[in-house]
Amino acid sequence: MSDAFVPTHEQLAKRWRDLREMLIQQLDMFETGALTLRSNDVNVSEAAIADLKRSILDFDALISGGS
């Protein structure tokens, strides 16, 4: 018998809502230019914005599926 914690769907959805809010705040900062992401002196913020948007939508779909 395992003592590993297995969260319920409701707990996962709550955690996702909290994380989603933080990601959207970060996304807003990228879009306004208040936050930039650089790699090898290249501004990669545009790619970070696209990745954040895609990740948010992907996980929204996963959570709403209830699985």
Protein backbone atom coordinates (compact mmCIF):
# COMPACT_ATOMS: atom_id res chain seq x y z
CA MET A 1 0.00 0.00 0.00
CA SER A 2 1.39 3.38 -1.02
CA ASP A 3 1.17 6.52 1.06
CA ALA A 4 1.65 8.71 -2.03
CA PHE A 5 -0.67 11.70 -2.21
CA VAL A 6 -3.03 11.56 -5.18
CA PRO A 7 -4.86 14.86 -5.63
CA THR A 8 -8.51 14.92 -6.63
CA HIS A 9 -9.65 16.55 -9.85
CA GLU A 10 -10.94 19.50 -7.82
CA GLN A 11 -7.55 19.94 -6.13
CA LEU A 12 -5.78 19.80 -9.48
CA ALA A 13 -8.21 22.32 -10.96
CA LYS A 14 -7.64 24.69 -8.01
CA ARG A 15 -3.87 24.39 -8.34
CA TRP A 16 -4.15 25.00 -12.08
CA ARG A 17 -6.29 28.13 -11.55
CA ASP A 18 -3.62 29.49 -9.19
CA LEU A 19 -0.78 28.64 -11.56
CA ARG A 20 -2.74 29.94 -14.55
CA GLU A 21 -3.21 33.30 -12.83
CA MET A 22 0.54 33.56 -12.25
CA LEU A 23 1.30 32.57 -15.85
CA ILE A 24 -1.13 35.16 -17.21
CA GLN A 25 0.50 37.84 -15.05
CA GLN A 26 3.89 36.82 -16.44
CA LEU A 27 2.47 36.80 -19.97
CA ASP A 28 1.13 40.34 -19.46
CA MET A 29 4.59 41.44 -18.36
CA PHE A 30 6.16 39.95 -21.50
CA GLU A 31 3.56 41.59 -23.74
CA THR A 32 4.02 45.04 -22.16
CA GLY A 33 7.80 44.76 -22.24
CA ALA A 34 8.11 44.91 -18.44
CA LEU A 35 9.73 41.47 -18.60
CA THR A 36 12.10 40.22 -21.27
CA LEU A 37 13.74 36.86 -21.72
CA ARG A 38 17.19 36.77 -23.26
CA SER A 39 19.31 33.86 -24.42
CA ASN A 40 22.83 34.47 -25.73
CA ASP A 41 22.05 38.20 -25.88
CA VAL A 42 18.99 37.57 -28.07
CA ASN A 43 15.56 38.69 -26.89
CA VAL A 44 13.47 35.51 -26.99
CA SER A 45 10.40 37.06 -25.36
CA GLU A 46 8.25 36.54 -28.47
CA ALA A 47 8.90 32.80 -28.32
CA ALA A 48 8.25 32.79 -24.57
CA ILE A 49 4.90 34.55 -25.13
CA ALA A 50 3.85 31.99 -27.73
CA ASP A 51 4.97 29.11 -25.48
CA LEU A 52 3.09 30.46 -22.45
CA LYS A 53 -0.10 30.97 -24.45
CA ARG A 54 0.11 27.46 -25.92
CA SER A 55 0.85 25.90 -22.53
CA ILE A 56 -2.05 27.69 -20.86
CA LEU A 57 -4.49 26.57 -23.58
CA ASP A 58 -3.17 22.98 -23.55
CA PHE A 59 -3.53 22.64 -19.81
CA ASP A 60 -6.93 24.35 -19.81
CA ALA A 61 -8.09 21.64 -22.20
CA LEU A 62 -6.58 18.90 -20.03
CA ILE A 63 -8.21 20.18 -16.85
CA SER A 64 -11.60 20.74 -18.46
CA GLY A 65 -11.55 17.15 -19.73
CA GLY A 66 -11.71 15.91 -16.14
CA SER A 67 -9.10 13.22 -16.65
